Amino acid sequence: MPNTTDSRARRIREARTGILTAAAVQLGTAALLLWGRSFLPPEHMLAWLLLAAAALTLAALIPMGIVYRKRIQEIEGGEEDAAGEY
């Protein structure tokens, strides 16, 4: 049984590392888009497109969080462990 607990802890740690890495990339991308926008006049069309792209990039964090929560529930619920027995 300790092996199962270690395996679950490892999978949770890997899921956490993955989501934090993806979130950092998303935040970095949004920051770069907003930084690039700062060089343009506010009324410029490209400035609005960069703002929209940054907003979409940040909005992607919401489904990522939902998927992460679902993944943790699957790991803690033991679905993978149960499926591995067959």
C-alpha atoms as a PDB file:
ATOM      1  CA  MET A   1       0.000   0.000   0.000  1.00  0.00           C
ATOM      2  CA  PRO A   2       2.831   2.541   0.583  1.00  0.00           C
ATOM      3  CA  ASN A   3       3.717   2.204  -3.079  1.00  0.00           C
ATOM      4  CA  THR A   4       0.209   3.384  -4.041  1.00  0.00           C
ATOM      5  CA  THR A   5       0.503   6.426  -1.767  1.00  0.00           C
ATOM      6  CA  ASP A   6       3.939   7.268  -3.167  1.00  0.00           C
ATOM      7  CA  SER A   7       2.603   6.864  -6.690  1.00  0.00           C
ATOM      8  CA  ARG A   8      -0.335   9.171  -5.981  1.00  0.00           C
ATOM      9  CA  ALA A   9       1.916  11.770  -4.364  1.00  0.00           C
ATOM     10  CA  ARG A  10       4.220  11.643  -7.384  1.00  0.00           C
ATOM     11  CA  ARG A  11       1.299  12.069  -9.810  1.00  0.00           C
ATOM     12  CA  ILE A  12      -0.078  14.989  -7.787  1.00  0.00           C
ATOM     13  CA  ARG A  13       3.374  16.596  -7.738  1.00  0.00           C
ATOM     14  CA  GLU A  14       3.708  16.121 -11.515  1.00  0.00           C
ATOM     15  CA  ALA A  15       0.232  17.580 -12.121  1.00  0.00           C
ATOM     16  CA  ARG A  16       1.066  20.585  -9.923  1.00  0.00           C
ATOM     17  CA  THR A  17       4.381  21.125 -11.702  1.00  0.00           C
ATOM     18  CA  GLY A  18       2.685  20.904 -15.089  1.00  0.00           C
ATOM     19  CA  ILE A  19      -0.090  23.359 -14.269  1.00  0.00           C
ATOM     20  CA  LEU A  20       2.306  25.848 -12.678  1.00  0.00           C
ATOM     21  CA  THR A  21       4.608  25.679 -15.694  1.00  0.00           C
ATOM     22  CA  ALA A  22       1.719  26.169 -18.108  1.00  0.00           C
ATOM     23  CA  ALA A  23       0.336  29.054 -16.032  1.00  0.00           C
ATOM     24  CA  ALA A  24       3.760  30.708 -15.934  1.00  0.00           C
ATOM     25  CA  VAL A  25       4.008  30.455 -19.730  1.00  0.00           C
ATOM     26  CA  GLN A  26       0.510  31.920 -20.125  1.00  0.00           C
ATOM     27  CA  LEU A  27       1.272  34.797 -17.748  1.00  0.00           C
ATOM     28  CA  GLY A  28       4.587  35.455 -19.458  1.00  0.00           C
ATOM     29  CA  THR A  29       2.912  35.517 -22.856  1.00  0.00           C
ATOM     30  CA  ALA A  30       0.259  37.951 -21.637  1.00  0.00           C
ATOM     31  CA  ALA A  31       2.959  40.154 -20.105  1.00  0.00           C
ATOM     32  CA  LEU A  32       4.892  40.211 -23.394  1.00  0.00           C
ATOM     33  CA  LEU A  33       1.760  41.100 -25.344  1.00  0.00           C
ATOM     34  CA  LEU A  34       0.946  43.941 -22.970  1.00  0.00           C
ATOM     35  CA  TRP A  35       4.556  45.122 -23.007  1.00  0.00           C
ATOM     36  CA  GLY A  36       4.492  45.184 -26.819  1.00  0.00           C
ATOM     37  CA  ARG A  37       1.233  47.127 -26.680  1.00  0.00           C
ATOM     38  CA  SER A  38       2.884  49.819 -24.547  1.00  0.00           C
ATOM     39  CA  PHE A  39       4.940  50.941 -27.554  1.00  0.00           C
ATOM     40  CA  LEU A  40       1.859  51.717 -29.638  1.00  0.00           C
ATOM     41  CA  PRO A  41      -0.532  54.633 -29.393  1.00  0.00           C
ATOM     42  CA  PRO A  42      -3.716  53.579 -27.532  1.00  0.00           C
ATOM     43  CA  GLU A  43      -5.971  54.202 -30.526  1.00  0.00           C
ATOM     44  CA  HIS A  44      -3.884  52.038 -32.889  1.00  0.00           C
ATOM     45  CA  MET A  45      -5.679  48.918 -34.150  1.00  0.00           C
ATOM     46  CA  LEU A  46      -2.729  46.665 -33.346  1.00  0.00           C
ATOM     47  CA  ALA A  47      -2.826  47.888 -29.737  1.00  0.00           C
ATOM     48  CA  TRP A  48      -6.394  46.637 -29.453  1.00  0.00           C
ATOM     49  CA  LEU A  49      -5.487  43.313 -31.053  1.00  0.00           C
ATOM     50  CA  LEU A  50      -2.620  42.831 -28.618  1.00  0.00           C
ATOM     51  CA  LEU A  51      -4.944  43.642 -25.727  1.00  0.00           C
ATOM     52  CA  ALA A  52      -7.488  41.103 -26.985  1.00  0.00           C
ATOM     53  CA  ALA A  53      -4.768  38.470 -27.393  1.00  0.00           C
ATOM     54  CA  ALA A  54      -3.533  39.108 -23.851  1.00  0.00           C
ATOM     55  CA  ALA A  55      -7.094  38.820 -22.506  1.00  0.00           C
ATOM     56  CA  LEU A  56      -7.626  35.513 -24.334  1.00  0.00           C
ATOM     57  CA  THR A  57      -4.310  34.236 -23.020  1.00  0.00           C
ATOM     58  CA  LEU A  58      -5.324  35.083 -19.462  1.00  0.00           C
ATOM     59  CA  ALA A  59      -8.804  33.640 -19.979  1.00  0.00           C
ATOM     60  CA  ALA A  60      -7.189  30.297 -20.810  1.00  0.00           C
ATOM     61  CA  LEU A  61      -6.117  30.070 -17.167  1.00  0.00           C
ATOM     62  CA  ILE A  62      -9.713  29.367 -16.118  1.00  0.00           C
ATOM     63  CA  PRO A  63     -10.134  26.069 -18.011  1.00  0.00           C
ATOM     64  CA  MET A  64      -6.610  25.092 -16.993  1.00  0.00           C
ATOM     65  CA  GLY A  65      -7.608  25.443 -13.352  1.00  0.00           C
ATOM     66  CA  ILE A  66     -10.750  23.391 -13.890  1.00  0.00           C
ATOM     67  CA  VAL A  67      -8.789  20.606 -15.590  1.00  0.00           C
ATOM     68  CA  TYR A  68      -6.202  20.659 -12.799  1.00  0.00           C
ATOM     69  CA  ARG A  69      -8.888  20.320 -10.121  1.00  0.00           C
ATOM     70  CA  LYS A  70     -10.473  17.425 -12.035  1.00  0.00           C
ATOM     71  CA  ARG A  71      -7.094  15.720 -12.392  1.00  0.00           C
ATOM     72  CA  ILE A  72      -6.402  15.975  -8.658  1.00  0.00           C
ATOM     73  CA  GLN A  73      -9.837  14.501  -7.926  1.00  0.00           C
ATOM     74  CA  GLU A  74      -9.085  11.591 -10.272  1.00  0.00           C
ATOM     75  CA  ILE A  75      -5.741  10.922  -8.610  1.00  0.00           C
ATOM     76  CA  GLU A  76      -7.117  11.150  -5.072  1.00  0.00           C
ATOM     77  CA  GLY A  77     -10.168   9.071  -6.007  1.00  0.00           C
ATOM     78  CA  GLY A  78      -7.962   6.227  -7.210  1.00  0.00           C
ATOM     79  CA  GLU A  79      -9.494   5.822 -10.666  1.00  0.00           C
ATOM     80  CA  GLU A  80      -6.093   5.174 -12.225  1.00  0.00           C
ATOM     81  CA  ASP A  81      -5.152   2.680  -9.522  1.00  0.00           C
ATOM     82  CA  ALA A  82      -8.432   0.809  -9.966  1.00  0.00           C
ATOM     83  CA  ALA A  83      -8.066   0.776 -13.755  1.00  0.00           C
ATOM     84  CA  GLY A  84      -4.503  -0.519 -13.437  1.00  0.00           C
ATOM     85  CA  GLU A  85      -5.746  -3.653 -11.662  1.00  0.00           C
ATOM     86  CA  TYR A  86      -7.553  -4.911 -14.778  1.00  0.00           C
END
